[in-house]
Amino acid sequence: LKYGTESFRWEKTVSLSEIYLRLKNNFNVDVGKVK
């Protein structure tokens, strides 16, 4: 598992407004401003 461990982990930056929109569009949920 040590071989290529850098390949197994990744990061993605997503804005709070994008998280809000994804919740609204994908799950029909409105939590308001994400805190």
ModelCIF file with pLDDT and N, C-alpha, C, O atoms, coordinates in Angstrom:
data_MODEL
#
_entry.id   MODEL 
#
_entity.id                         1 
_entity.type                       polymer 
_entity.pdbx_number_of_molecules   1 
#
_entity_poly.entity_id                      1 
_entity_poly.type                           'polypeptide(L)' 
_entity_poly.nstd_linkage                   no 
_entity_poly.nstd_monomer                   no 
_entity_poly.pdbx_seq_one_letter_code       LKYGTESFRWEKTVSLSEIYLRLKNNFNVDVGKVK 
_entity_poly.pdbx_seq_one_letter_code_can   LKYGTESFRWEKTVSLSEIYLRLKNNFNVDVGKVK 
_entity_poly.pdbx_strand_id                 A 
#
loop_
_entity_poly_seq.entity_id 
_entity_poly_seq.num 
_entity_poly_seq.mon_id 
_entity_poly_seq.hetero 
1 1  LEU n 
1 2  LYS n 
1 3  TYR n 
1 4  GLY n 
1 5  THR n 
1 6  GLU n 
1 7  SER n 
1 8  PHE n 
1 9  ARG n 
1 10 TRP n 
1 11 GLU n 
1 12 LYS n 
1 13 THR n 
1 14 VAL n 
1 15 SER n 
1 16 LEU n 
1 17 SER n 
1 18 GLU n 
1 19 ILE n 
1 20 TYR n 
1 21 LEU n 
1 22 ARG n 
1 23 LEU n 
1 24 LYS n 
1 25 ASN n 
1 26 ASN n 
1 27 PHE n 
1 28 ASN n 
1 29 VAL n 
1 30 ASP n 
1 31 VAL n 
1 32 GLY n 
1 33 LYS n 
1 34 VAL n 
1 35 LYS n 
#
_struct_asym.id          A 
_struct_asym.entity_id   1 
#
loop_
_ma_qa_metric.id 
_ma_qa_metric.mode 
_ma_qa_metric.name 
_ma_qa_metric.software_group_id 
_ma_qa_metric.type 
1 global pLDDT . pLDDT 
2 local  pLDDT . pLDDT 
#
_ma_qa_metric_global.metric_id      1 
_ma_qa_metric_global.metric_value   81.00 
_ma_qa_metric_global.model_id       1 
_ma_qa_metric_global.ordinal_id     1 
#
loop_
_ma_qa_metric_local.label_asym_id 
_ma_qa_metric_local.label_comp_id 
_ma_qa_metric_local.label_seq_id 
_ma_qa_metric_local.metric_id 
_ma_qa_metric_local.metric_value 
_ma_qa_metric_local.model_id 
_ma_qa_metric_local.ordinal_id 
A LEU 1  2 54.00 1 1  
A LYS 2  2 51.00 1 2  
A TYR 3  2 52.00 1 3  
A GLY 4  2 55.00 1 4  
A THR 5  2 54.00 1 5  
A GLU 6  2 57.00 1 6  
A SER 7  2 56.00 1 7  
A PHE 8  2 58.00 1 8  
A ARG 9  2 63.00 1 9  
A TRP 10 2 67.00 1 10 
A GLU 11 2 73.00 1 11 
A LYS 12 2 77.00 1 12 
A THR 13 2 85.00 1 13 
A VAL 14 2 87.00 1 14 
A SER 15 2 91.00 1 15 
A LEU 16 2 90.00 1 16 
A SER 17 2 91.00 1 17 
A GLU 18 2 92.00 1 18 
A ILE 19 2 92.00 1 19 
A TYR 20 2 92.00 1 20 
A LEU 21 2 93.00 1 21 
A ARG 22 2 91.00 1 22 
A LEU 23 2 92.00 1 23 
A LYS 24 2 93.00 1 24 
A ASN 25 2 93.00 1 25 
A ASN 26 2 90.00 1 26 
A PHE 27 2 91.00 1 27 
A ASN 28 2 95.00 1 28 
A VAL 29 2 94.00 1 29 
A ASP 30 2 95.00 1 30 
A VAL 31 2 95.00 1 31 
A GLY 32 2 95.00 1 32 
A LYS 33 2 94.00 1 33 
A VAL 34 2 93.00 1 34 
A LYS 35 2 94.00 1 35 
#
loop_
_atom_site.group_PDB 
_atom_site.id 
_atom_site.type_symbol 
_atom_site.label_atom_id 
_atom_site.label_alt_id 
_atom_site.label_comp_id 
_atom_site.label_asym_id 
_atom_site.label_entity_id 
_atom_site.label_seq_id 
_atom_site.pdbx_PDB_ins_code 
_atom_site.Cartn_x 
_atom_site.Cartn_y 
_atom_site.Cartn_z 
_atom_site.occupancy 
_atom_site.B_iso_or_equiv 
_atom_site.pdbx_formal_charge 
_atom_site.auth_seq_id 
_atom_site.auth_comp_id 
_atom_site.auth_asym_id 
_atom_site.auth_atom_id 
_atom_site.pdbx_PDB_model_num 
ATOM 1   N N  . LEU A 1 1  ? 0.811   -1.217 0.000  1.00 54.00 ? 1  LEU A N  1 
ATOM 2   C CA . LEU A 1 1  ? 0.000   0.000  0.000  1.00 54.00 ? 1  LEU A CA 1 
ATOM 3   C C  . LEU A 1 1  ? 0.844   1.266  0.000  1.00 54.00 ? 1  LEU A C  1 
ATOM 4   O O  . LEU A 1 1  ? 0.368   2.326  -0.405 1.00 54.00 ? 1  LEU A O  1 
ATOM 5   N N  . LYS A 1 2  ? 2.085   1.167  0.447  1.00 51.00 ? 2  LYS A N  1 
ATOM 6   C CA . LYS A 1 2  ? 2.960   2.347  0.447  1.00 51.00 ? 2  LYS A CA 1 
ATOM 7   C C  . LYS A 1 2  ? 3.271   2.793  -0.974 1.00 51.00 ? 2  LYS A C  1 
ATOM 8   O O  . LYS A 1 2  ? 3.436   3.984  -1.236 1.00 51.00 ? 2  LYS A O  1 
ATOM 9   N N  . TYR A 1 3  ? 3.351   1.828  -1.894 1.00 52.00 ? 3  TYR A N  1 
ATOM 10  C CA . TYR A 1 3  ? 3.690   2.143  -3.266 1.00 52.00 ? 3  TYR A CA 1 
ATOM 11  C C  . TYR A 1 3  ? 2.596   3.029  -3.853 1.00 52.00 ? 3  TYR A C  1 
ATOM 12  O O  . TYR A 1 3  ? 1.450   2.602  -3.989 1.00 52.00 ? 3  TYR A O  1 
ATOM 13  N N  . GLY A 1 4  ? 2.945   4.238  -4.193 1.00 55.00 ? 4  GLY A N  1 
ATOM 14  C CA . GLY A 1 4  ? 2.014   5.149  -4.847 1.00 55.00 ? 4  GLY A CA 1 
ATOM 15  C C  . GLY A 1 4  ? 0.944   5.732  -3.944 1.00 55.00 ? 4  GLY A C  1 
ATOM 16  O O  . GLY A 1 4  ? -0.121  6.112  -4.429 1.00 55.00 ? 4  GLY A O  1 
ATOM 17  N N  . THR A 1 5  ? 1.198   5.814  -2.629 1.00 54.00 ? 5  THR A N  1 
ATOM 18  C CA . THR A 1 5  ? 0.167   6.343  -1.734 1.00 54.00 ? 5  THR A CA 1 
ATOM 19  C C  . THR A 1 5  ? -0.226  7.777  -2.093 1.00 54.00 ? 5  THR A C  1 
ATOM 20  O O  . THR A 1 5  ? -1.346  8.197  -1.803 1.00 54.00 ? 5  THR A O  1 
ATOM 21  N N  . GLU A 1 6  ? 0.663   8.521  -2.707 1.00 57.00 ? 6  GLU A N  1 
ATOM 22  C CA . GLU A 1 6  ? 0.305   9.877  -3.109 1.00 57.00 ? 6  GLU A CA 1 
ATOM 23  C C  . GLU A 1 6  ? -0.807  9.855  -4.156 1.00 57.00 ? 6  GLU A C  1 
ATOM 24  O O  . GLU A 1 6  ? -1.554  10.826 -4.287 1.00 57.00 ? 6  GLU A O  1 
ATOM 25  N N  . SER A 1 7  ? -0.921  8.761  -4.895 1.00 56.00 ? 7  SER A N  1 
ATOM 26  C CA . SER A 1 7  ? -1.950  8.640  -5.920 1.00 56.00 ? 7  SER A CA 1 
ATOM 27  C C  . SER A 1 7  ? -3.322  8.353  -5.324 1.00 56.00 ? 7  SER A C  1 
ATOM 28  O O  . SER A 1 7  ? -4.339  8.588  -5.978 1.00 56.00 ? 7  SER A O  1 
ATOM 29  N N  . PHE A 1 8  ? -3.367  7.851  -4.102 1.00 58.00 ? 8  PHE A N  1 
ATOM 30  C CA . PHE A 1 8  ? -4.632  7.454  -3.515 1.00 58.00 ? 8  PHE A CA 1 
ATOM 31  C C  . PHE A 1 8  ? -5.378  8.608  -2.864 1.00 58.00 ? 8  PHE A C  1 
ATOM 32  O O  . PHE A 1 8  ? -6.590  8.516  -2.668 1.00 58.00 ? 8  PHE A O  1 
ATOM 33  N N  . ARG A 1 9  ? -4.709  9.657  -2.534 1.00 63.00 ? 9  ARG A N  1 
ATOM 34  C CA . ARG A 1 9  ? -5.334  10.772 -1.835 1.00 63.00 ? 9  ARG A CA 1 
ATOM 35  C C  . ARG A 1 9  ? -5.450  11.966 -2.776 1.00 63.00 ? 9  ARG A C  1 
ATOM 36  O O  . ARG A 1 9  ? -4.532  12.259 -3.542 1.00 63.00 ? 9  ARG A O  1 
ATOM 37  N N  . TRP A 1 10 ? -6.570  12.639 -2.708 1.00 67.00 ? 10 TRP A N  1 
ATOM 38  C CA . TRP A 1 10 ? -6.768  13.817 -3.533 1.00 67.00 ? 10 TRP A CA 1 
ATOM 39  C C  . TRP A 1 10 ? -7.563  14.847 -2.753 1.00 67.00 ? 10 TRP A C  1 
ATOM 40  O O  . TRP A 1 10 ? -8.222  14.536 -1.761 1.00 67.00 ? 10 TRP A O  1 
ATOM 41  N N  . GLU A 1 11 ? -7.485  16.061 -3.218 1.00 73.00 ? 11 GLU A N  1 
ATOM 42  C CA . GLU A 1 11 ? -8.217  17.165 -2.609 1.00 73.00 ? 11 GLU A CA 1 
ATOM 43  C C  . GLU A 1 11 ? -8.945  17.923 -3.700 1.00 73.00 ? 11 GLU A C  1 
ATOM 44  O O  . GLU A 1 11 ? -8.490  17.990 -4.841 1.00 73.00 ? 11 GLU A O  1 
ATOM 45  N N  . LYS A 1 12 ? -10.062 18.483 -3.340 1.00 77.00 ? 12 LYS A N  1 
ATOM 46  C CA . LYS A 1 12 ? -10.790 19.355 -4.254 1.00 77.00 ? 12 LYS A CA 1 
ATOM 47  C C  . LYS A 1 12 ? -11.356 20.495 -3.428 1.00 77.00 ? 12 LYS A C  1 
ATOM 48  O O  . LYS A 1 12 ? -12.008 20.267 -2.409 1.00 77.00 ? 12 LYS A O  1 
ATOM 49  N N  . THR A 1 13 ? -11.112 21.695 -3.857 1.00 85.00 ? 13 THR A N  1 
ATOM 50  C CA . THR A 1 13 ? -11.638 22.866 -3.171 1.00 85.00 ? 13 THR A CA 1 
ATOM 51  C C  . THR A 1 13 ? -12.989 23.217 -3.773 1.00 85.00 ? 13 THR A C  1 
ATOM 52  O O  . THR A 1 13 ? -13.131 23.348 -4.989 1.00 85.00 ? 13 THR A O  1 
ATOM 53  N N  . VAL A 1 14 ? -13.975 23.365 -2.903 1.00 87.00 ? 14 VAL A N  1 
ATOM 54  C CA . VAL A 1 14 ? -15.332 23.695 -3.328 1.00 87.00 ? 14 VAL A CA 1 
ATOM 55  C C  . VAL A 1 14 ? -15.802 24.856 -2.450 1.00 87.00 ? 14 VAL A C  1 
ATOM 56  O O  . VAL A 1 14 ? -15.671 24.807 -1.227 1.00 87.00 ? 14 VAL A O  1 
ATOM 57  N N  . SER A 1 15 ? -16.342 25.882 -3.069 1.00 91.00 ? 15 SER A N  1 
ATOM 58  C CA . SER A 1 15 ? -16.813 27.042 -2.303 1.00 91.00 ? 15 SER A CA 1 
ATOM 59  C C  . SER A 1 15 ? -18.060 26.680 -1.489 1.00 91.00 ? 15 SER A C  1 
ATOM 60  O O  . SER A 1 15 ? -18.780 25.740 -1.825 1.00 91.00 ? 15 SER A O  1 
ATOM 61  N N  . LEU A 1 16 ? -18.298 27.426 -0.433 1.00 90.00 ? 16 LEU A N  1 
ATOM 62  C CA . LEU A 1 16 ? -19.482 27.192 0.387  1.00 90.00 ? 16 LEU A CA 1 
ATOM 63  C C  . LEU A 1 16 ? -20.760 27.405 -0.408 1.00 90.00 ? 16 LEU A C  1 
ATOM 64  O O  . LEU A 1 16 ? -21.748 26.698 -0.208 1.00 90.00 ? 16 LEU A O  1 
ATOM 65  N N  . SER A 1 17 ? -20.741 28.378 -1.306 1.00 91.00 ? 17 SER A N  1 
ATOM 66  C CA . SER A 1 17 ? -21.930 28.614 -2.131 1.00 91.00 ? 17 SER A CA 1 
ATOM 67  C C  . SER A 1 17 ? -22.180 27.444 -3.076 1.00 91.00 ? 17 SER A C  1 
ATOM 68  O O  . SER A 1 17 ? -23.333 27.124 -3.366 1.00 91.00 ? 17 SER A O  1 
ATOM 69  N N  . GLU A 1 18 ? -21.114 26.798 -3.564 1.00 92.00 ? 18 GLU A N  1 
ATOM 70  C CA . GLU A 1 18 ? -21.286 25.631 -4.424 1.00 92.00 ? 18 GLU A CA 1 
ATOM 71  C C  . GLU A 1 18 ? -21.851 24.456 -3.631 1.00 92.00 ? 18 GLU A C  1 
ATOM 72  O O  . GLU A 1 18 ? -22.671 23.699 -4.151 1.00 92.00 ? 18 GLU A O  1 
ATOM 73  N N  . ILE A 1 19 ? -21.425 24.294 -2.388 1.00 92.00 ? 19 ILE A N  1 
ATOM 74  C CA . ILE A 1 19 ? -21.969 23.238 -1.532 1.00 92.00 ? 19 ILE A CA 1 
ATOM 75  C C  . ILE A 1 19 ? -23.459 23.482 -1.299 1.00 92.00 ? 19 ILE A C  1 
ATOM 76  O O  . ILE A 1 19 ? -24.269 22.557 -1.368 1.00 92.00 ? 19 ILE A O  1 
ATOM 77  N N  . TYR A 1 20 ? -23.808 24.735 -1.024 1.00 92.00 ? 20 TYR A N  1 
ATOM 78  C CA . TYR A 1 20 ? -25.219 25.097 -0.850 1.00 92.00 ? 20 TYR A CA 1 
ATOM 79  C C  . TYR A 1 20 ? -26.030 24.712 -2.088 1.00 92.00 ? 20 TYR A C  1 
ATOM 80  O O  . TYR A 1 20 ? -27.090 24.097 -1.978 1.00 92.00 ? 20 TYR A O  1 
ATOM 81  N N  . LEU A 1 21 ? -25.521 25.081 -3.265 1.00 93.00 ? 21 LEU A N  1 
ATOM 82  C CA . LEU A 1 21 ? -26.243 24.793 -4.510 1.00 93.00 ? 21 LEU A CA 1 
ATOM 83  C C  . LEU A 1 21 ? -26.347 23.299 -4.782 1.00 93.00 ? 21 LEU A C  1 
ATOM 84  O O  . LEU A 1 21 ? -27.382 22.831 -5.258 1.00 93.00 ? 21 LEU A O  1 
ATOM 85  N N  . ARG A 1 22 ? -25.301 22.550 -4.492 1.00 91.00 ? 22 ARG A N  1 
ATOM 86  C CA . ARG A 1 22 ? -25.351 21.096 -4.704 1.00 91.00 ? 22 ARG A CA 1 
ATOM 87  C C  . ARG A 1 22 ? -26.362 20.436 -3.775 1.00 91.00 ? 22 ARG A C  1 
ATOM 88  O O  . ARG A 1 22 ? -27.074 19.518 -4.183 1.00 91.00 ? 22 ARG A O  1 
ATOM 89  N N  . LEU A 1 23 ? -26.430 20.893 -2.533 1.00 92.00 ? 23 LEU A N  1 
ATOM 90  C CA . LEU A 1 23 ? -27.442 20.359 -1.620 1.00 92.00 ? 23 LEU A CA 1 
ATOM 91  C C  . LEU A 1 23 ? -28.843 20.660 -2.144 1.00 92.00 ? 23 LEU A C  1 
ATOM 92  O O  . LEU A 1 23 ? -29.725 19.802 -2.146 1.00 92.00 ? 23 LEU A O  1 
ATOM 93  N N  . LYS A 1 24 ? -29.019 21.880 -2.579 1.00 93.00 ? 24 LYS A N  1 
ATOM 94  C CA . LYS A 1 24 ? -30.329 22.317 -3.083 1.00 93.00 ? 24 LYS A CA 1 
ATOM 95  C C  . LYS A 1 24 ? -30.718 21.544 -4.351 1.00 93.00 ? 24 LYS A C  1 
ATOM 96  O O  . LYS A 1 24 ? -31.843 21.056 -4.462 1.00 93.00 ? 24 LYS A O  1 
ATOM 97  N N  . ASN A 1 25 ? -29.793 21.436 -5.294 1.00 93.00 ? 25 ASN A N  1 
ATOM 98  C CA . ASN A 1 25 ? -30.097 20.804 -6.576 1.00 93.00 ? 25 ASN A CA 1 
ATOM 99  C C  . ASN A 1 25 ? -30.126 19.277 -6.520 1.00 93.00 ? 25 ASN A C  1 
ATOM 100 O O  . ASN A 1 25 ? -30.987 18.654 -7.140 1.00 93.00 ? 25 ASN A O  1 
ATOM 101 N N  . ASN A 1 26 ? -29.194 18.669 -5.783 1.00 90.00 ? 26 ASN A N  1 
ATOM 102 C CA . ASN A 1 26 ? -29.082 17.207 -5.770 1.00 90.00 ? 26 ASN A CA 1 
ATOM 103 C C  . ASN A 1 26 ? -29.979 16.544 -4.730 1.00 90.00 ? 26 ASN A C  1 
ATOM 104 O O  . ASN A 1 26 ? -30.440 15.421 -4.937 1.00 90.00 ? 26 ASN A O  1 
ATOM 105 N N  . PHE A 1 27 ? -30.232 17.228 -3.613 1.00 91.00 ? 27 PHE A N  1 
ATOM 106 C CA . PHE A 1 27 ? -30.971 16.608 -2.518 1.00 91.00 ? 27 PHE A CA 1 
ATOM 107 C C  . PHE A 1 27 ? -32.229 17.380 -2.112 1.00 91.00 ? 27 PHE A C  1 
ATOM 108 O O  . PHE A 1 27 ? -32.954 16.959 -1.211 1.00 91.00 ? 27 PHE A O  1 
ATOM 109 N N  . ASN A 1 28 ? -32.488 18.514 -2.782 1.00 95.00 ? 28 ASN A N  1 
ATOM 110 C CA . ASN A 1 28 ? -33.645 19.360 -2.477 1.00 95.00 ? 28 ASN A CA 1 
ATOM 111 C C  . ASN A 1 28 ? -33.649 19.787 -1.001 1.00 95.00 ? 28 ASN A C  1 
ATOM 112 O O  . ASN A 1 28 ? -34.680 19.736 -0.329 1.00 95.00 ? 28 ASN A O  1 
ATOM 113 N N  . VAL A 1 29 ? -32.474 20.206 -0.514 1.00 94.00 ? 29 VAL A N  1 
ATOM 114 C CA . VAL A 1 29 ? -32.291 20.593 0.881  1.00 94.00 ? 29 VAL A CA 1 
ATOM 115 C C  . VAL A 1 29 ? -31.759 22.019 0.931  1.00 94.00 ? 29 VAL A C  1 
ATOM 116 O O  . VAL A 1 29 ? -30.853 22.381 0.181  1.00 94.00 ? 29 VAL A O  1 
ATOM 117 N N  . ASP A 1 30 ? -32.332 22.825 1.823  1.00 95.00 ? 30 ASP A N  1 
ATOM 118 C CA . ASP A 1 30 ? -31.874 24.201 2.017  1.00 95.00 ? 30 ASP A CA 1 
ATOM 119 C C  . ASP A 1 30 ? -31.436 24.377 3.468  1.00 95.00 ? 30 ASP A C  1 
ATOM 120 O O  . ASP A 1 30 ? -32.269 24.540 4.360  1.00 95.00 ? 30 ASP A O  1 
ATOM 121 N N  . VAL A 1 31 ? -30.127 24.345 3.698  1.00 95.00 ? 31 VAL A N  1 
ATOM 122 C CA . VAL A 1 31 ? -29.596 24.539 5.059  1.00 95.00 ? 31 VAL A CA 1 
ATOM 123 C C  . VAL A 1 31 ? -29.252 26.002 5.320  1.00 95.00 ? 31 VAL A C  1 
ATOM 124 O O  . VAL A 1 31 ? -28.793 26.345 6.409  1.00 95.00 ? 31 VAL A O  1 
ATOM 125 N N  . GLY A 1 32 ? -29.469 26.861 4.337  1.00 95.00 ? 32 GLY A N  1 
ATOM 126 C CA . GLY A 1 32 ? -29.089 28.259 4.481  1.00 95.00 ? 32 GLY A CA 1 
ATOM 127 C C  . GLY A 1 32 ? -27.598 28.430 4.205  1.00 95.00 ? 32 GLY A C  1 
ATOM 128 O O  . GLY A 1 32 ? -26.986 27.623 3.505  1.00 95.00 ? 32 GLY A O  1 
ATOM 129 N N  . LYS A 1 33 ? -27.038 29.471 4.753  1.00 94.00 ? 33 LYS A N  1 
ATOM 130 C CA . LYS A 1 33 ? -25.605 29.737 4.572  1.00 94.00 ? 33 LYS A CA 1 
ATOM 131 C C  . LYS A 1 33 ? -24.795 28.655 5.287  1.00 94.00 ? 33 LYS A C  1 
ATOM 132 O O  . LYS A 1 33 ? -24.952 28.447 6.490  1.00 94.00 ? 33 LYS A O  1 
ATOM 133 N N  . VAL A 1 34 ? -23.931 27.971 4.541  1.00 93.00 ? 34 VAL A N  1 
ATOM 134 C CA . VAL A 1 34 ? -23.131 26.879 5.104  1.00 93.00 ? 34 VAL A CA 1 
ATOM 135 C C  . VAL A 1 34 ? -22.112 27.442 6.078  1.00 93.00 ? 34 VAL A C  1 
ATOM 136 O O  . VAL A 1 34 ? -21.339 28.338 5.741  1.00 93.00 ? 34 VAL A O  1 
ATOM 137 N N  . LYS A 1 35 ? -22.121 26.900 7.302  1.00 94.00 ? 35 LYS A N  1 
ATOM 138 C CA . LYS A 1 35 ? -21.227 27.382 8.357  1.00 94.00 ? 35 LYS A CA 1 
ATOM 139 C C  . LYS A 1 35 ? -20.162 26.367 8.733  1.00 94.00 ? 35 LYS A C  1 
ATOM 140 O O  . LYS A 1 35 ? -19.337 26.634 9.608  1.00 94.00 ? 35 LYS A O  1 
#
